[in-house]
């Protein structure tokens, strides 16, 4: 399944790496694409293994805000 999350607070390469790394550590996440210009994070994942809430929590633990 694919999902796009809107994330606030990302502004540099380190931000991008932090978000990508946090999401890729989750079981069930297959791919992550971060667009700093738009603040969009596209995630390809197995919905039977990982929930949207878990992904949002992983991003927020890195210090960024997920906007719904």
Protein backbone atom coordinates (compact mmCIF):
# COMPACT_ATOMS: atom_id res chain seq x y z
CA UNK A 1 0.00 0.00 0.00
CA UNK A 2 1.14 3.57 -0.58
CA UNK A 3 0.54 6.56 1.67
CA UNK A 4 1.61 10.20 1.58
CA UNK A 5 2.17 11.92 4.91
CA UNK A 6 2.49 15.70 5.27
CA UNK A 7 5.39 16.47 7.61
CA UNK A 8 6.31 19.89 8.99
CA UNK A 9 9.75 20.92 10.18
CA UNK A 10 11.95 19.21 7.59
CA UNK A 11 14.38 21.62 5.95
CA UNK A 12 17.67 19.88 5.13
CA UNK A 13 19.38 16.67 4.14
CA UNK A 14 19.75 15.61 7.77
CA UNK A 15 15.99 15.99 8.26
CA UNK A 16 15.38 13.83 5.22
CA UNK A 17 17.79 11.13 6.43
CA UNK A 18 16.28 11.15 9.94
CA UNK A 19 12.74 10.62 8.66
CA UNK A 20 13.77 8.01 6.08
CA UNK A 21 15.84 6.12 8.64
CA UNK A 22 13.11 6.09 11.27
CA UNK A 23 10.53 4.77 8.82
CA UNK A 24 12.80 2.17 7.22
CA UNK A 25 13.49 0.68 10.66
CA UNK A 26 9.82 -0.28 10.96
CA UNK A 27 8.89 -3.80 9.90
CA UNK A 28 6.64 -3.67 6.87
CA UNK A 29 8.00 -0.45 5.35
CA UNK A 30 9.32 -1.20 1.86
CA UNK A 31 10.23 2.26 0.55
CA UNK A 32 10.35 5.90 1.67
CA UNK A 33 10.63 9.00 -0.50
CA UNK A 34 10.98 12.41 1.19
CA UNK A 35 10.33 15.66 -0.69
CA UNK A 36 11.72 18.57 1.34
CA UNK A 37 10.13 21.19 -0.93
CA UNK A 38 6.57 19.99 -0.37
CA UNK A 39 6.99 18.32 3.03
CA UNK A 40 5.50 15.13 1.63
CA UNK A 41 6.74 11.71 2.68
CA UNK A 42 5.63 8.89 0.38
CA UNK A 43 5.69 5.51 2.09
CA UNK A 44 5.22 2.08 0.50
CA UNK A 45 4.32 -0.45 3.17
CA UNK A 46 2.51 -3.66 4.10
CA UNK A 47 -0.67 -2.60 5.88
CA UNK A 48 -0.87 -5.98 7.63
CA UNK A 49 2.50 -5.39 9.29
CA UNK A 50 2.65 -1.68 10.13
CA UNK A 51 -0.04 0.92 10.85
CA UNK A 52 -0.17 4.58 9.84
CA UNK A 53 -0.08 5.52 13.52
CA UNK A 54 3.23 3.69 13.99
CA UNK A 55 4.75 5.56 11.07
CA UNK A 56 3.50 8.91 12.40
CA UNK A 57 4.95 8.11 15.83
CA UNK A 58 8.34 7.21 14.32
CA UNK A 59 8.44 10.57 12.51
CA UNK A 60 7.35 12.51 15.60
CA UNK A 61 10.06 10.78 17.67
CA UNK A 62 12.58 12.41 15.31
CA UNK A 63 11.19 15.85 16.22
CA UNK A 64 8.89 16.51 13.25
CA UNK A 65 5.14 17.07 13.13
CA UNK A 66 2.79 14.98 10.99
CA UNK A 67 -0.14 17.07 9.76
CA UNK A 68 -3.45 15.36 8.95
